[in-house]
């Protein structure tokens, strides 16, 4: 009787821990993807701003 209860509890705890770890890892992976997307967007925006300024702004060496 005690052996059956012990085995059942052990299996339940193992499954719970495994599920928790899996869910946590998936969340972390998703967060990393979102952060990398945000970084990519910021980088692209920065490059865009540099190029648009280069075309719009007048260089300092340019005569009036």
PDB file of N, CA and C in Angstrom:
ATOM      1  N   UNK A   1       0.825  -1.200   0.000  1.00  0.00           N
ATOM      2  CA  UNK A   1       0.000   0.000   0.000  1.00  0.00           C
ATOM      3  C   UNK A   1       0.869   1.263   0.000  1.00  0.00           C
ATOM      4  N   UNK A   2       1.839   1.330   0.919  1.00  0.00           N
ATOM      5  CA  UNK A   2       2.703   2.514   0.976  1.00  0.00           C
ATOM      6  C   UNK A   2       3.574   2.617  -0.264  1.00  0.00           C
ATOM      7  N   UNK A   3       3.992   1.488  -0.796  1.00  0.00           N
ATOM      8  CA  UNK A   3       4.840   1.501  -1.994  1.00  0.00           C
ATOM      9  C   UNK A   3       4.057   2.092  -3.164  1.00  0.00           C
ATOM     10  N   UNK A   4       2.803   1.706  -3.322  1.00  0.00           N
ATOM     11  CA  UNK A   4       1.963   2.227  -4.404  1.00  0.00           C
ATOM     12  C   UNK A   4       1.771   3.731  -4.263  1.00  0.00           C
ATOM     13  N   UNK A   5       1.489   4.189  -3.059  1.00  0.00           N
ATOM     14  CA  UNK A   5       1.301   5.623  -2.811  1.00  0.00           C
ATOM     15  C   UNK A   5       2.591   6.372  -3.096  1.00  0.00           C
ATOM     16  N   UNK A   6       3.711   5.836  -2.652  1.00  0.00           N
ATOM     17  CA  UNK A   6       5.008   6.471  -2.881  1.00  0.00           C
ATOM     18  C   UNK A   6       5.299   6.578  -4.373  1.00  0.00           C
ATOM     19  N   UNK A   7       5.065   5.506  -5.112  1.00  0.00           N
ATOM     20  CA  UNK A   7       5.313   5.508  -6.562  1.00  0.00           C
ATOM     21  C   UNK A   7       4.397   6.524  -7.244  1.00  0.00           C
ATOM     22  N   UNK A   8       3.126   6.541  -6.866  1.00  0.00           N
ATOM     23  CA  UNK A   8       2.170   7.480  -7.459  1.00  0.00           C
ATOM     24  C   UNK A   8       2.580   8.922  -7.189  1.00  0.00           C
ATOM     25  N   UNK A   9       2.947   9.222  -5.964  1.00  0.00           N
ATOM     26  CA  UNK A   9       3.373  10.577  -5.603  1.00  0.00           C
ATOM     27  C   UNK A   9       4.639  10.951  -6.366  1.00  0.00           C
ATOM     28  N   UNK A  10       5.577  10.032  -6.452  1.00  0.00           N
ATOM     29  CA  UNK A  10       6.825  10.289  -7.173  1.00  0.00           C
ATOM     30  C   UNK A  10       6.544  10.603  -8.637  1.00  0.00           C
ATOM     31  N   UNK A  11       5.701   9.812  -9.272  1.00  0.00           N
ATOM     32  CA  UNK A  11       5.367  10.037 -10.687  1.00  0.00           C
ATOM     33  C   UNK A  11       4.664  11.386 -10.857  1.00  0.00           C
ATOM     34  N   UNK A  12       3.728  11.698  -9.985  1.00  0.00           N
ATOM     35  CA  UNK A  12       3.000  12.971 -10.060  1.00  0.00           C
ATOM     36  C   UNK A  12       3.946  14.155  -9.915  1.00  0.00           C
ATOM     37  N   UNK A  13       4.826  14.091  -8.946  1.00  0.00           N
ATOM     38  CA  UNK A  13       5.790  15.175  -8.722  1.00  0.00           C
ATOM     39  C   UNK A  13       6.716  15.312  -9.926  1.00  0.00           C
ATOM     40  N   UNK A  14       7.176  14.195 -10.455  1.00  0.00           N
ATOM     41  CA  UNK A  14       8.070  14.224 -11.616  1.00  0.00           C
ATOM     42  C   UNK A  14       7.387  14.887 -12.805  1.00  0.00           C
ATOM     43  N   UNK A  15       6.151  14.502 -13.076  1.00  0.00           N
ATOM     44  CA  UNK A  15       5.407  15.087 -14.200  1.00  0.00           C
ATOM     45  C   UNK A  15       5.193  16.583 -13.978  1.00  0.00           C
ATOM     46  N   UNK A  16       4.845  16.972 -12.773  1.00  0.00           N
ATOM     47  CA  UNK A  16       4.619  18.387 -12.461  1.00  0.00           C
ATOM     48  C   UNK A  16       5.887  19.201 -12.663  1.00  0.00           C
ATOM     49  N   UNK A  17       6.992  18.714 -12.154  1.00  0.00           N
ATOM     50  CA  UNK A  17       8.275  19.416 -12.298  1.00  0.00           C
ATOM     51  C   UNK A  17       8.654  19.516 -13.771  1.00  0.00           C
ATOM     52  N   UNK A  18       8.508  18.426 -14.510  1.00  0.00           N
ATOM     53  CA  UNK A  18       8.844  18.417 -15.940  1.00  0.00           C
ATOM     54  C   UNK A  18       7.997  19.443 -16.695  1.00  0.00           C
ATOM     55  N   UNK A  19       6.690  19.455 -16.406  1.00  0.00           N
ATOM     56  CA  UNK A  19       5.790  20.401 -17.076  1.00  0.00           C
ATOM     57  C   UNK A  19       6.169  21.841 -16.745  1.00  0.00           C
ATOM     58  N   UNK A  20       6.469  22.106 -15.490  1.00  0.00           N
ATOM     59  CA  UNK A  20       6.844  23.460 -15.072  1.00  0.00           C
ATOM     60  C   UNK A  20       8.118  23.915 -15.774  1.00  0.00           C
ATOM     61  N   UNK A  21       9.108  23.046 -15.814  1.00  0.00           N
ATOM     62  CA  UNK A  21      10.380  23.382 -16.465  1.00  0.00           C
ATOM     63  C   UNK A  21      10.163  23.628 -17.950  1.00  0.00           C
ATOM     64  N   UNK A  22       9.381  22.779 -18.600  1.00  0.00           N
ATOM     65  CA  UNK A  22       9.121  22.929 -20.033  1.00  0.00           C
ATOM     66  C   UNK A  22       8.425  24.250 -20.321  1.00  0.00           C
ATOM     67  N   UNK A  23       7.410  24.583 -19.538  1.00  0.00           N
ATOM     68  CA  UNK A  23       6.675  25.839 -19.735  1.00  0.00           C
ATOM     69  C   UNK A  23       7.597  27.033 -19.526  1.00  0.00           C
ATOM     70  N   UNK A  24       8.428  26.975 -18.496  1.00  0.00           N
ATOM     71  CA  UNK A  24       9.360  28.070 -18.215  1.00  0.00           C
ATOM     72  C   UNK A  24      10.340  28.251 -19.369  1.00  0.00           C
ATOM     73  N   UNK A  25      10.874  27.154 -19.892  1.00  0.00           N
ATOM     74  CA  UNK A  25      11.822  27.239 -21.001  1.00  0.00           C
ATOM     75  C   UNK A  25      11.163  27.830 -22.240  1.00  0.00           C
ATOM     76  N   UNK A  26       9.929  27.436 -22.513  1.00  0.00           N
ATOM     77  CA  UNK A  26       9.223  27.975 -23.678  1.00  0.00           C
ATOM     78  C   UNK A  26       8.999  29.472 -23.529  1.00  0.00           C
ATOM     79  N   UNK A  27       8.637  29.908 -22.314  1.00  0.00           N
ATOM     80  CA  UNK A  27       8.429  31.337 -22.074  1.00  0.00           C
ATOM     81  C   UNK A  27       9.721  32.111 -22.288  1.00  0.00           C
ATOM     82  N   UNK A  28      10.830  31.575 -21.753  1.00  0.00           N
ATOM     83  CA  UNK A  28      12.118  32.255 -21.900  1.00  0.00           C
ATOM     84  C   UNK A  28      12.513  32.347 -23.366  1.00  0.00           C
ATOM     85  N   UNK A  29      12.294  31.265 -24.112  1.00  0.00           N
ATOM     86  CA  UNK A  29      12.636  31.246 -25.532  1.00  0.00           C
ATOM     87  C   UNK A  29      11.815  32.291 -26.281  1.00  0.00           C
ATOM     88  N   UNK A  30      10.529  32.377 -25.954  1.00  0.00           N
ATOM     89  CA  UNK A  30       9.652  33.351 -26.597  1.00  0.00           C
ATOM     90  C   UNK A  30      10.102  34.772 -26.273  1.00  0.00           C
ATOM     91  N   UNK A  31      10.467  35.019 -25.004  1.00  0.00           N
ATOM     92  CA  UNK A  31      10.938  36.343 -24.601  1.00  0.00           C
ATOM     93  C   UNK A  31      12.223  36.713 -25.334  1.00  0.00           C
ATOM     94  N   UNK A  32      13.135  35.738 -25.489  1.00  0.00           N
ATOM     95  CA  UNK A  32      14.380  36.008 -26.217  1.00  0.00           C
ATOM     96  C   UNK A  32      14.081  36.384 -27.662  1.00  0.00           C
ATOM     97  N   UNK A  33      13.143  35.679 -28.289  1.00  0.00           N
ATOM     98  CA  UNK A  33      12.781  35.993 -29.671  1.00  0.00           C
ATOM     99  C   UNK A  33      12.221  37.407 -29.773  1.00  0.00           C
ATOM    100  N   UNK A  34      11.350  37.765 -28.820  1.00  0.00           N
ATOM    101  CA  UNK A  34      10.759  39.101 -28.841  1.00  0.00           C
ATOM    102  C   UNK A  34      11.824  40.176 -28.650  1.00  0.00           C
ATOM    103  N   UNK A  35      12.758  39.930 -27.733  1.00  0.00           N
ATOM    104  CA  UNK A  35      13.831  40.912 -27.504  1.00  0.00           C
ATOM    105  C   UNK A  35      14.699  41.062 -28.744  1.00  0.00           C
ATOM    106  N   UNK A  36      15.001  39.948 -29.412  1.00  0.00           N
ATOM    107  CA  UNK A  36      15.844  40.041 -30.600  1.00  0.00           C
ATOM    108  C   UNK A  36      15.102  40.768 -31.720  1.00  0.00           C
ATOM    109  N   UNK A  37      13.783  40.584 -31.803  1.00  0.00           N
ATOM    110  CA  UNK A  37      13.003  41.324 -32.800  1.00  0.00           C
ATOM    111  C   UNK A  37      13.050  42.814 -32.501  1.00  0.00           C
ATOM    112  N   UNK A  38      12.895  43.169 -31.218  1.00  0.00           N
ATOM    113  CA  UNK A  38      12.945  44.581 -30.827  1.00  0.00           C
ATOM    114  C   UNK A  38      14.305  45.183 -31.160  1.00  0.00           C
ATOM    115  N   UNK A  39      15.375  44.444 -30.886  1.00  0.00           N
ATOM    116  CA  UNK A  39      16.720  44.935 -31.194  1.00  0.00           C
ATOM    117  C   UNK A  39      16.870  45.151 -32.693  1.00  0.00           C
ATOM    118  N   UNK A  40      16.357  44.209 -33.494  1.00  0.00           N
ATOM    119  CA  UNK A  40      16.444  44.305 -34.951  1.00  0.00           C
ATOM    120  C   UNK A  40      15.689  45.538 -35.446  1.00  0.00           C
ATOM    121  N   UNK A  41      14.514  45.773 -34.888  1.00  0.00           N
ATOM    122  CA  UNK A  41      13.721  46.940 -35.282  1.00  0.00           C
ATOM    123  C   UNK A  41      14.461  48.226 -34.937  1.00  0.00           C
ATOM    124  N   UNK A  42      15.031  48.293 -33.726  1.00  0.00           N
ATOM    125  CA  UNK A  42      15.785  49.481 -33.317  1.00  0.00           C
ATOM    126  C   UNK A  42      16.977  49.705 -34.240  1.00  0.00           C
ATOM    127  N   UNK A  43      17.685  48.610 -34.579  1.00  0.00           N
ATOM    128  CA  UNK A  43      18.857  48.704 -35.441  1.00  0.00           C
ATOM    129  C   UNK A  43      18.447  49.228 -36.817  1.00  0.00           C
ATOM    130  N   UNK A  44      17.375  48.665 -37.368  1.00  0.00           N
ATOM    131  CA  UNK A  44      16.911  49.102 -38.683  1.00  0.00           C
ATOM    132  C   UNK A  44      16.468  50.557 -38.667  1.00  0.00           C
ATOM    133  N   UNK A  45      15.820  50.960 -37.577  1.00  0.00           N
ATOM    134  CA  UNK A  45      15.362  52.342 -37.458  1.00  0.00           C
ATOM    135  C   UNK A  45      16.563  53.285 -37.402  1.00  0.00           C
ATOM    136  N   UNK A  46      17.606  52.866 -36.679  1.00  0.00           N
ATOM    137  CA  UNK A  46      18.815  53.678 -36.555  1.00  0.00           C
ATOM    138  C   UNK A  46      19.477  53.841 -37.925  1.00  0.00           C
ATOM    139  N   UNK A  47      19.609  52.732 -38.662  1.00  0.00           N
ATOM    140  CA  UNK A  47      20.211  52.781 -40.002  1.00  0.00           C
ATOM    141  C   UNK A  47      19.387  53.692 -40.904  1.00  0.00           C
ATOM    142  N   UNK A  48      18.066  53.554 -40.846  1.00  0.00           N
ATOM    143  CA  UNK A  48      17.174  54.379 -41.658  1.00  0.00           C
ATOM    144  C   UNK A  48      17.372  55.859 -41.335  1.00  0.00           C
ATOM    145  N   UNK A  49      17.447  56.177 -40.038  1.00  0.00           N
ATOM    146  CA  UNK A  49      17.637  57.570 -39.624  1.00  0.00           C
ATOM    147  C   UNK A  49      18.960  58.126 -40.129  1.00  0.00           C
ATOM    148  N   UNK A  50      20.018  57.319 -40.076  1.00  0.00           N
ATOM    149  CA  UNK A  50      21.330  57.771 -40.553  1.00  0.00           C
ATOM    150  C   UNK A  50      21.266  58.093 -42.040  1.00  0.00           C
ATOM    151  N   UNK A  51      20.657  57.187 -42.830  1.00  0.00           N
ATOM    152  CA  UNK A  51      20.585  57.407 -44.274  1.00  0.00           C
ATOM    153  C   UNK A  51      19.687  58.587 -44.630  1.00  0.00           C
ATOM    154  N   UNK A  52      18.541  58.712 -43.981  1.00  0.00           N
ATOM    155  CA  UNK A  52      17.653  59.827 -44.310  1.00  0.00           C
ATOM    156  C   UNK A  52      18.301  61.146 -43.932  1.00  0.00           C
ATOM    157  N   UNK A  53      19.023  61.171 -42.820  1.00  0.00           N
ATOM    158  CA  UNK A  53      19.701  62.400 -42.419  1.00  0.00           C
ATOM    159  C   UNK A  53      20.805  62.726 -43.424  1.00  0.00           C
ATOM    160  N   UNK A  54      21.494  61.706 -43.910  1.00  0.00           N
ATOM    161  CA  UNK A  54      22.575  61.933 -44.870  1.00  0.00           C
ATOM    162  C   UNK A  54      22.035  62.574 -46.145  1.00  0.00           C
ATOM    163  N   UNK A  55      20.821  62.195 -46.534  1.00  0.00           N
ATOM    164  CA  UNK A  55      20.249  62.783 -47.748  1.00  0.00           C
ATOM    165  C   UNK A  55      19.623  64.148 -47.481  1.00  0.00           C
ATOM    166  N   UNK A  56      19.062  64.322 -46.297  1.00  0.00           N
ATOM    167  CA  UNK A  56      18.377  65.574 -45.975  1.00  0.00           C
ATOM    168  C   UNK A  56      19.330  66.649 -45.478  1.00  0.00           C
ATOM    169  N   UNK A  57      20.228  66.257 -44.579  1.00  0.00           N
ATOM    170  CA  UNK A  57      21.129  67.229 -43.959  1.00  0.00           C
ATOM    171  C   UNK A  57      22.202  67.659 -44.953  1.00  0.00           C
ATOM    172  N   UNK A  58      22.617  68.896 -44.809  1.00  0.00           N
ATOM    173  CA  UNK A  58      23.665  69.417 -45.682  1.00  0.00           C
ATOM    174  C   UNK A  58      25.016  69.158 -45.027  1.00  0.00           C
ATOM    175  N   UNK A  59      25.966  68.603 -45.744  1.00  0.00           N
ATOM    176  CA  UNK A  59      27.292  68.389 -45.152  1.00  0.00           C
ATOM    177  C   UNK A  59      27.940  69.719 -44.774  1.00  0.00           C
ATOM    178  N   UNK A  60      28.790  69.694 -43.766  1.00  0.00           N
ATOM    179  CA  UNK A  60      29.431  70.923 -43.287  1.00  0.00           C
ATOM    180  C   UNK A  60      30.372  71.520 -44.326  1.00  0.00           C
ATOM    181  N   UNK A  61      30.991  70.676 -45.138  1.00  0.00           N
ATOM    182  CA  UNK A  61      31.960  71.177 -46.116  1.00  0.00           C
ATOM    183  C   UNK A  61      31.270  71.760 -47.353  1.00  0.00           C
ATOM    184  N   UNK A  62      29.968  71.609 -47.441  1.00  0.00           N
ATOM    185  CA  UNK A  62      29.237  72.092 -48.614  1.00  0.00           C
ATOM    186  C   UNK A  62      29.164  73.620 -48.600  1.00  0.00           C
ATOM    187  N   UNK A  63      29.566  74.278 -49.678  1.00  0.00           N
ATOM    188  CA  UNK A  63      29.486  75.746 -49.708  1.00  0.00           C
ATOM    189  C   UNK A  63      28.032  76.205 -49.839  1.00  0.00           C
ATOM    190  N   UNK A  64      27.753  77.408 -49.349  1.00  0.00           N
ATOM    191  CA  UNK A  64      26.391  77.952 -49.422  1.00  0.00           C
ATOM    192  C   UNK A  64      26.098  78.185 -50.845  1.00  0.00           C
TER     193      UNK A  64
END
